[in-house]
Amino acid sequence: MSILIALFPLFLWLSIVGAIIYFIVRKVKRSRKALEERIEVLERNQAVVKDKNEF
């Protein structure tokens, strides 16, 4: 029982660090997805501009 009480702060800090890492990874995934969507839109717009310049 005393071992469990002694390890409680360790588990607490590990869970806090794990939660922080989880939220950072989630935010990075969202940001990357948004950037990929923006890049696709820009590529489409660039293709349209190139097509207009050819005529």
PDB file of N, CA and C in Angstrom:
ATOM      1  N   MET A   1       0.828  -1.198   0.000  1.00  0.00           N
ATOM      2  CA  MET A   1       0.000   0.000   0.000  1.00  0.00           C
ATOM      3  C   MET A   1       0.870   1.257   0.000  1.00  0.00           C
ATOM      4  N   SER A   2       1.962   1.231   0.775  1.00  0.00           N
ATOM      5  CA  SER A   2       2.818   2.419   0.834  1.00  0.00           C
ATOM      6  C   SER A   2       3.522   2.656  -0.506  1.00  0.00           C
ATOM      7  N   ILE A   3       3.776   1.579  -1.268  1.00  0.00           N
ATOM      8  CA  ILE A   3       4.400   1.744  -2.590  1.00  0.00           C
ATOM      9  C   ILE A   3       3.448   2.500  -3.511  1.00  0.00           C
ATOM     10  N   LEU A   4       2.169   2.149  -3.453  1.00  0.00           N
ATOM     11  CA  LEU A   4       1.172   2.819  -4.287  1.00  0.00           C
ATOM     12  C   LEU A   4       1.081   4.301  -3.933  1.00  0.00           C
ATOM     13  N   ILE A   5       1.117   4.597  -2.655  1.00  0.00           N
ATOM     14  CA  ILE A   5       1.068   5.999  -2.217  1.00  0.00           C
ATOM     15  C   ILE A   5       2.330   6.733  -2.673  1.00  0.00           C
ATOM     16  N   ALA A   6       3.468   6.052  -2.641  1.00  0.00           N
ATOM     17  CA  ALA A   6       4.719   6.680  -3.055  1.00  0.00           C
ATOM     18  C   ALA A   6       4.739   6.929  -4.563  1.00  0.00           C
ATOM     19  N   LEU A   7       4.116   6.052  -5.346  1.00  0.00           N
ATOM     20  CA  LEU A   7       4.126   6.192  -6.803  1.00  0.00           C
ATOM     21  C   LEU A   7       3.028   7.110  -7.327  1.00  0.00           C
ATOM     22  N   PHE A   8       2.089   7.501  -6.480  1.00  0.00           N
ATOM     23  CA  PHE A   8       0.979   8.342  -6.930  1.00  0.00           C
ATOM     24  C   PHE A   8       1.435   9.642  -7.591  1.00  0.00           C
ATOM     25  N   PRO A   9       2.386  10.392  -7.006  1.00  0.00           N
ATOM     26  CA  PRO A   9       2.836  11.625  -7.686  1.00  0.00           C
ATOM     27  C   PRO A   9       3.434  11.348  -9.067  1.00  0.00           C
ATOM     28  N   LEU A  10       4.150  10.238  -9.194  1.00  0.00           N
ATOM     29  CA  LEU A  10       4.725   9.877 -10.490  1.00  0.00           C
ATOM     30  C   LEU A  10       3.624   9.656 -11.519  1.00  0.00           C
ATOM     31  N   PHE A  11       2.611   8.897 -11.153  1.00  0.00           N
ATOM     32  CA  PHE A  11       1.501   8.647 -12.075  1.00  0.00           C
ATOM     33  C   PHE A  11       0.755   9.944 -12.399  1.00  0.00           C
ATOM     34  N   LEU A  12       0.634  10.805 -11.419  1.00  0.00           N
ATOM     35  CA  LEU A  12      -0.034  12.085 -11.637  1.00  0.00           C
ATOM     36  C   LEU A  12       0.718  12.917 -12.672  1.00  0.00           C
ATOM     37  N   TRP A  13       2.034  13.043 -12.506  1.00  0.00           N
ATOM     38  CA  TRP A  13       2.831  13.824 -13.460  1.00  0.00           C
ATOM     39  C   TRP A  13       2.840  13.178 -14.834  1.00  0.00           C
ATOM     40  N   LEU A  14       2.918  11.857 -14.883  1.00  0.00           N
ATOM     41  CA  LEU A  14       2.895  11.169 -16.181  1.00  0.00           C
ATOM     42  C   LEU A  14       1.576  11.410 -16.901  1.00  0.00           C
ATOM     43  N   SER A  15       0.481  11.412 -16.164  1.00  0.00           N
ATOM     44  CA  SER A  15      -0.812  11.654 -16.807  1.00  0.00           C
ATOM     45  C   SER A  15      -0.922  13.099 -17.293  1.00  0.00           C
ATOM     46  N   ILE A  16      -0.378  14.043 -16.535  1.00  0.00           N
ATOM     47  CA  ILE A  16      -0.394  15.442 -16.965  1.00  0.00           C
ATOM     48  C   ILE A  16       0.439  15.615 -18.230  1.00  0.00           C
ATOM     49  N   VAL A  17       1.639  15.050 -18.247  1.00  0.00           N
ATOM     50  CA  VAL A  17       2.503  15.142 -19.430  1.00  0.00           C
ATOM     51  C   VAL A  17       1.846  14.452 -20.615  1.00  0.00           C
ATOM     52  N   GLY A  18       1.231  13.303 -20.383  1.00  0.00           N
ATOM     53  CA  GLY A  18       0.538  12.591 -21.458  1.00  0.00           C
ATOM     54  C   GLY A  18      -0.600  13.405 -22.037  1.00  0.00           C
ATOM     55  N   ALA A  19      -1.354  14.077 -21.189  1.00  0.00           N
ATOM     56  CA  ALA A  19      -2.463  14.906 -21.667  1.00  0.00           C
ATOM     57  C   ALA A  19      -1.947  16.084 -22.493  1.00  0.00           C
ATOM     58  N   ILE A  20      -0.862  16.696 -22.057  1.00  0.00           N
ATOM     59  CA  ILE A  20      -0.285  17.817 -22.805  1.00  0.00           C
ATOM     60  C   ILE A  20       0.182  17.354 -24.181  1.00  0.00           C
ATOM     61  N   ILE A  21       0.880  16.224 -24.228  1.00  0.00           N
ATOM     62  CA  ILE A  21       1.354  15.688 -25.509  1.00  0.00           C
ATOM     63  C   ILE A  21       0.174  15.350 -26.407  1.00  0.00           C
ATOM     64  N   TYR A  22      -0.875  14.775 -25.836  1.00  0.00           N
ATOM     65  CA  TYR A  22      -2.062  14.419 -26.620  1.00  0.00           C
ATOM     66  C   TYR A  22      -2.681  15.653 -27.275  1.00  0.00           C
ATOM     67  N   PHE A  23      -2.831  16.729 -26.515  1.00  0.00           N
ATOM     68  CA  PHE A  23      -3.443  17.937 -27.074  1.00  0.00           C
ATOM     69  C   PHE A  23      -2.544  18.594 -28.117  1.00  0.00           C
ATOM     70  N   ILE A  24      -1.225  18.554 -27.907  1.00  0.00           N
ATOM     71  CA  ILE A  24      -0.308  19.116 -28.902  1.00  0.00           C
ATOM     72  C   ILE A  24      -0.403  18.335 -30.204  1.00  0.00           C
ATOM     73  N   VAL A  25      -0.407  17.013 -30.115  1.00  0.00           N
ATOM     74  CA  VAL A  25      -0.496  16.180 -31.321  1.00  0.00           C
ATOM     75  C   VAL A  25      -1.808  16.442 -32.037  1.00  0.00           C
ATOM     76  N   ARG A  26      -2.893  16.560 -31.286  1.00  0.00           N
ATOM     77  CA  ARG A  26      -4.200  16.822 -31.901  1.00  0.00           C
ATOM     78  C   ARG A  26      -4.203  18.164 -32.636  1.00  0.00           C
ATOM     79  N   LYS A  27      -3.617  19.168 -32.008  1.00  0.00           N
ATOM     80  CA  LYS A  27      -3.578  20.494 -32.630  1.00  0.00           C
ATOM     81  C   LYS A  27      -2.714  20.481 -33.887  1.00  0.00           C
ATOM     82  N   VAL A  28      -1.588  19.789 -33.843  1.00  0.00           N
ATOM     83  CA  VAL A  28      -0.703  19.714 -35.008  1.00  0.00           C
ATOM     84  C   VAL A  28      -1.401  19.002 -36.156  1.00  0.00           C
ATOM     85  N   LYS A  29      -2.125  17.927 -35.849  1.00  0.00           N
ATOM     86  CA  LYS A  29      -2.851  17.214 -36.907  1.00  0.00           C
ATOM     87  C   LYS A  29      -3.892  18.120 -37.550  1.00  0.00           C
ATOM     88  N   ARG A  30      -4.614  18.878 -36.736  1.00  0.00           N
ATOM     89  CA  ARG A  30      -5.622  19.799 -37.268  1.00  0.00           C
ATOM     90  C   ARG A  30      -4.974  20.874 -38.133  1.00  0.00           C
ATOM     91  N   SER A  31      -3.863  21.420 -37.667  1.00  0.00           N
ATOM     92  CA  SER A  31      -3.174  22.474 -38.412  1.00  0.00           C
ATOM     93  C   SER A  31      -2.659  21.940 -39.743  1.00  0.00           C
ATOM     94  N   ARG A  32      -2.109  20.723 -39.718  1.00  0.00           N
ATOM     95  CA  ARG A  32      -1.580  20.151 -40.952  1.00  0.00           C
ATOM     96  C   ARG A  32      -2.700  19.897 -41.948  1.00  0.00           C
ATOM     97  N   LYS A  33      -3.823  19.418 -41.460  1.00  0.00           N
ATOM     98  CA  LYS A  33      -4.966  19.171 -42.344  1.00  0.00           C
ATOM     99  C   LYS A  33      -5.445  20.476 -42.974  1.00  0.00           C
ATOM    100  N   ALA A  34      -5.525  21.529 -42.180  1.00  0.00           N
ATOM    101  CA  ALA A  34      -5.958  22.828 -42.702  1.00  0.00           C
ATOM    102  C   ALA A  34      -4.962  23.353 -43.733  1.00  0.00           C
ATOM    103  N   LEU A  35      -3.673  23.177 -43.470  1.00  0.00           N
ATOM    104  CA  LEU A  35      -2.666  23.630 -44.426  1.00  0.00           C
ATOM    105  C   LEU A  35      -2.754  22.856 -45.732  1.00  0.00           C
ATOM    106  N   GLU A  36      -2.976  21.545 -45.647  1.00  0.00           N
ATOM    107  CA  GLU A  36      -3.110  20.742 -46.861  1.00  0.00           C
ATOM    108  C   GLU A  36      -4.312  21.198 -47.681  1.00  0.00           C
ATOM    109  N   GLU A  37      -5.406  21.524 -47.006  1.00  0.00           N
ATOM    110  CA  GLU A  37      -6.585  22.010 -47.725  1.00  0.00           C
ATOM    111  C   GLU A  37      -6.296  23.351 -48.401  1.00  0.00           C
ATOM    112  N   ARG A  38      -5.591  24.233 -47.708  1.00  0.00           N
ATOM    113  CA  ARG A  38      -5.246  25.530 -48.304  1.00  0.00           C
ATOM    114  C   ARG A  38      -4.335  25.347 -49.515  1.00  0.00           C
ATOM    115  N   ILE A  39      -3.381  24.422 -49.403  1.00  0.00           N
ATOM    116  CA  ILE A  39      -2.465  24.167 -50.521  1.00  0.00           C
ATOM    117  C   ILE A  39      -3.241  23.652 -51.724  1.00  0.00           C
ATOM    118  N   GLU A  40      -4.193  22.759 -51.489  1.00  0.00           N
ATOM    119  CA  GLU A  40      -5.006  22.246 -52.596  1.00  0.00           C
ATOM    120  C   GLU A  40      -5.762  23.385 -53.283  1.00  0.00           C
ATOM    121  N   VAL A  41      -6.347  24.269 -52.497  1.00  0.00           N
ATOM    122  CA  VAL A  41      -7.092  25.397 -53.070  1.00  0.00           C
ATOM    123  C   VAL A  41      -6.153  26.292 -53.874  1.00  0.00           C
ATOM    124  N   LEU A  42      -4.981  26.567 -53.330  1.00  0.00           N
ATOM    125  CA  LEU A  42      -4.027  27.417 -54.047  1.00  0.00           C
ATOM    126  C   LEU A  42      -3.563  26.764 -55.345  1.00  0.00           C
ATOM    127  N   GLU A  43      -3.337  25.446 -55.301  1.00  0.00           N
ATOM    128  CA  GLU A  43      -2.926  24.747 -56.523  1.00  0.00           C
ATOM    129  C   GLU A  43      -4.023  24.809 -57.574  1.00  0.00           C
ATOM    130  N   ARG A  44      -5.268  24.643 -57.145  1.00  0.00           N
ATOM    131  CA  ARG A  44      -6.383  24.734 -58.092  1.00  0.00           C
ATOM    132  C   ARG A  44      -6.471  26.141 -58.691  1.00  0.00           C
ATOM    133  N   ASN A  45      -6.329  27.147 -57.845  1.00  0.00           N
ATOM    134  CA  ASN A  45      -6.372  28.532 -58.329  1.00  0.00           C
ATOM    135  C   ASN A  45      -5.230  28.812 -59.297  1.00  0.00           C
ATOM    136  N   GLN A  46      -4.063  28.270 -58.993  1.00  0.00           N
ATOM    137  CA  GLN A  46      -2.913  28.476 -59.868  1.00  0.00           C
ATOM    138  C   GLN A  46      -3.142  27.804 -61.222  1.00  0.00           C
ATOM    139  N   ALA A  47      -3.741  26.622 -61.216  1.00  0.00           N
ATOM    140  CA  ALA A  47      -4.040  25.927 -62.467  1.00  0.00           C
ATOM    141  C   ALA A  47      -5.034  26.736 -63.293  1.00  0.00           C
ATOM    142  N   VAL A  48      -6.015  27.330 -62.644  1.00  0.00           N
ATOM    143  CA  VAL A  48      -7.004  28.150 -63.353  1.00  0.00           C
ATOM    144  C   VAL A  48      -6.323  29.367 -63.969  1.00  0.00           C
ATOM    145  N   VAL A  49      -5.429  29.993 -63.226  1.00  0.00           N
ATOM    146  CA  VAL A  49      -4.725  31.174 -63.731  1.00  0.00           C
ATOM    147  C   VAL A  49      -3.858  30.791 -64.927  1.00  0.00           C
ATOM    148  N   LYS A  50      -3.182  29.645 -64.854  1.00  0.00           N
ATOM    149  CA  LYS A  50      -2.353  29.200 -65.976  1.00  0.00           C
ATOM    150  C   LYS A  50      -3.214  28.958 -67.207  1.00  0.00           C
ATOM    151  N   ASP A  51      -4.378  28.343 -67.010  1.00  0.00           N
ATOM    152  CA  ASP A  51      -5.283  28.091 -68.135  1.00  0.00           C
ATOM    153  C   ASP A  51      -5.737  29.403 -68.766  1.00  0.00           C
ATOM    154  N   LYS A  52      -6.017  30.403 -67.962  1.00  0.00           N
ATOM    155  CA  LYS A  52      -6.463  31.696 -68.489  1.00  0.00           C
ATOM    156  C   LYS A  52      -5.336  32.388 -69.253  1.00  0.00           C
ATOM    157  N   ASN A  53      -4.102  32.233 -68.781  1.00  0.00           N
ATOM    158  CA  ASN A  53      -2.969  32.877 -69.438  1.00  0.00           C
ATOM    159  C   ASN A  53      -2.650  32.237 -70.781  1.00  0.00           C
ATOM    160  N   GLU A  54      -3.011  30.977 -70.960  1.00  0.00           N
ATOM    161  CA  GLU A  54      -2.728  30.299 -72.222  1.00  0.00           C
ATOM    162  C   GLU A  54      -3.607  30.825 -73.345  1.00  0.00           C
ATOM    163  N   PHE A  55      -4.766  31.352 -73.006  1.00  0.00           N
ATOM    164  CA  PHE A  55      -5.685  31.827 -74.061  1.00  0.00           C
ATOM    165  C   PHE A  55      -5.438  33.234 -74.427  1.00  0.00           C
TER     166      PHE A  55
END
